[in-house]
N, C-alpha and C. Protein backbone atom coordinates (compact mmCIF):
# COMPACT_ATOMS: atom_id res chain seq x y z
N MET A 1 0.84 -1.20 0.00
CA MET A 1 0.00 0.00 0.00
C MET A 1 0.87 1.25 0.00
N LYS A 2 0.63 2.12 -0.96
CA LYS A 2 1.40 3.36 -1.02
C LYS A 2 0.99 4.30 0.11
N GLN A 3 1.90 5.22 0.46
CA GLN A 3 1.63 6.18 1.54
C GLN A 3 0.36 6.98 1.24
N THR A 4 0.20 7.41 -0.01
CA THR A 4 -0.97 8.21 -0.38
C THR A 4 -2.24 7.41 -0.18
N ASP A 5 -2.21 6.13 -0.60
CA ASP A 5 -3.39 5.27 -0.44
C ASP A 5 -3.77 5.17 1.03
N ARG A 6 -2.77 5.01 1.87
CA ARG A 6 -3.02 4.87 3.30
C ARG A 6 -3.65 6.16 3.86
N ARG A 7 -3.13 7.31 3.41
CA ARG A 7 -3.67 8.59 3.86
C ARG A 7 -5.13 8.74 3.43
N VAL A 8 -5.40 8.40 2.17
CA VAL A 8 -6.77 8.52 1.65
C VAL A 8 -7.70 7.58 2.40
N ALA A 9 -7.23 6.34 2.64
CA ALA A 9 -8.04 5.37 3.37
C ALA A 9 -8.36 5.90 4.77
N LYS A 10 -7.35 6.52 5.40
CA LYS A 10 -7.54 7.08 6.75
C LYS A 10 -8.57 8.22 6.69
N SER A 11 -8.48 9.05 5.64
CA SER A 11 -9.41 10.17 5.47
C SER A 11 -10.83 9.65 5.27
N ILE A 12 -10.96 8.64 4.41
CA ILE A 12 -12.28 8.06 4.14
C ILE A 12 -12.86 7.51 5.44
N ASP A 13 -12.02 6.84 6.21
CA ASP A 13 -12.46 6.27 7.49
C ASP A 13 -12.97 7.39 8.41
N ALA A 14 -12.22 8.47 8.49
CA ALA A 14 -12.59 9.59 9.35
C ALA A 14 -13.90 10.23 8.87
N ILE A 15 -14.01 10.40 7.56
CA ILE A 15 -15.23 10.99 6.98
C ILE A 15 -16.43 10.10 7.26
N THR A 16 -16.25 8.80 7.05
CA THR A 16 -17.34 7.85 7.29
C THR A 16 -17.77 7.90 8.75
N ARG A 17 -16.78 7.95 9.65
CA ARG A 17 -17.09 8.02 11.08
C ARG A 17 -17.87 9.29 11.39
N ALA A 18 -17.46 10.40 10.76
CA ALA A 18 -18.14 11.68 10.98
C ALA A 18 -19.59 11.61 10.53
N PHE A 19 -19.82 11.04 9.33
CA PHE A 19 -21.18 10.92 8.82
C PHE A 19 -22.01 9.99 9.70
N THR A 20 -21.39 8.89 10.14
CA THR A 20 -22.09 7.94 11.01
C THR A 20 -22.51 8.65 12.29
N GLY A 21 -21.61 9.47 12.82
CA GLY A 21 -21.90 10.25 14.02
C GLY A 21 -23.08 11.17 13.81
N LEU A 22 -23.11 11.85 12.65
CA LEU A 22 -24.20 12.76 12.34
C LEU A 22 -25.51 11.99 12.24
N LEU A 23 -25.46 10.82 11.59
CA LEU A 23 -26.67 10.01 11.43
C LEU A 23 -27.17 9.53 12.79
N CYS A 24 -26.22 9.16 13.68
CA CYS A 24 -26.59 8.61 14.98
C CYS A 24 -27.21 9.68 15.88
N GLN A 25 -26.87 10.94 15.65
CA GLN A 25 -27.39 12.02 16.50
C GLN A 25 -28.87 12.25 16.23
N GLN A 26 -29.34 11.82 15.06
CA GLN A 26 -30.73 12.04 14.71
C GLN A 26 -31.52 10.75 14.81
N ASP A 27 -32.82 10.86 14.67
CA ASP A 27 -33.68 9.69 14.80
C ASP A 27 -33.86 9.03 13.44
N PHE A 28 -33.07 8.00 13.18
CA PHE A 28 -33.09 7.36 11.87
C PHE A 28 -33.66 5.94 11.94
N GLU A 29 -34.51 5.68 12.95
CA GLU A 29 -35.03 4.34 13.14
C GLU A 29 -35.80 3.83 11.93
N ASN A 30 -36.45 4.74 11.20
CA ASN A 30 -37.29 4.34 10.07
C ASN A 30 -36.51 4.15 8.78
N ILE A 31 -35.24 4.58 8.79
CA ILE A 31 -34.42 4.46 7.57
C ILE A 31 -33.68 3.14 7.60
N SER A 32 -33.76 2.42 6.49
CA SER A 32 -33.08 1.12 6.42
C SER A 32 -31.58 1.32 6.26
N VAL A 33 -30.83 0.26 6.55
CA VAL A 33 -29.38 0.30 6.42
C VAL A 33 -28.98 0.62 4.98
N MET A 34 -29.72 0.09 4.02
CA MET A 34 -29.42 0.35 2.60
C MET A 34 -29.50 1.84 2.31
N GLU A 35 -30.50 2.51 2.83
CA GLU A 35 -30.66 3.94 2.58
C GLU A 35 -29.52 4.74 3.22
N ILE A 36 -29.11 4.31 4.41
CA ILE A 36 -27.99 4.98 5.09
C ILE A 36 -26.73 4.78 4.26
N ASN A 37 -26.52 3.57 3.74
CA ASN A 37 -25.34 3.29 2.91
C ASN A 37 -25.36 4.15 1.66
N LYS A 38 -26.52 4.32 1.05
CA LYS A 38 -26.65 5.16 -0.14
C LYS A 38 -26.26 6.60 0.20
N THR A 39 -26.70 7.07 1.36
CA THR A 39 -26.38 8.42 1.80
C THR A 39 -24.87 8.57 1.95
N HIS A 40 -24.24 7.57 2.58
CA HIS A 40 -22.80 7.59 2.76
C HIS A 40 -22.09 7.66 1.42
N GLN A 41 -22.54 6.84 0.45
CA GLN A 41 -21.88 6.79 -0.85
C GLN A 41 -21.99 8.14 -1.56
N CYS A 42 -23.16 8.78 -1.46
CA CYS A 42 -23.34 10.10 -2.08
C CYS A 42 -22.38 11.11 -1.44
N CYS A 43 -22.36 11.10 -0.12
CA CYS A 43 -21.49 12.04 0.59
C CYS A 43 -20.02 11.78 0.24
N LEU A 44 -19.62 10.50 0.24
CA LEU A 44 -18.23 10.17 -0.05
C LEU A 44 -17.87 10.55 -1.47
N LYS A 45 -18.80 10.36 -2.41
CA LYS A 45 -18.53 10.72 -3.81
C LYS A 45 -18.30 12.22 -3.94
N ASP A 46 -19.03 13.01 -3.13
CA ASP A 46 -18.87 14.46 -3.17
C ASP A 46 -17.56 14.88 -2.53
N VAL A 47 -17.15 14.16 -1.48
CA VAL A 47 -15.99 14.57 -0.69
C VAL A 47 -14.67 14.05 -1.28
N LEU A 48 -14.71 12.84 -1.85
CA LEU A 48 -13.47 12.22 -2.35
C LEU A 48 -12.63 13.12 -3.26
N PRO A 49 -13.24 13.81 -4.24
CA PRO A 49 -12.41 14.66 -5.13
C PRO A 49 -11.63 15.72 -4.35
N LEU A 50 -12.14 16.13 -3.19
CA LEU A 50 -11.46 17.16 -2.40
C LEU A 50 -10.18 16.65 -1.77
N LEU A 51 -10.06 15.32 -1.65
CA LEU A 51 -8.88 14.74 -1.00
C LEU A 51 -7.67 14.73 -1.94
N TYR A 52 -7.93 14.87 -3.24
CA TYR A 52 -6.82 14.77 -4.20
C TYR A 52 -6.29 16.13 -4.60
């Protein structure tokens, strides 16, 4: 694994944790796991270009 890959992976992990935290703060009992995953993917797709 290249150093850059490791940094990006760490950033993605941090971003995912941040989004998970935001989701957990609200009442998402009615939202399925699939919908939460879709939300994460949208957010990550928007954020990923900023890491490069």
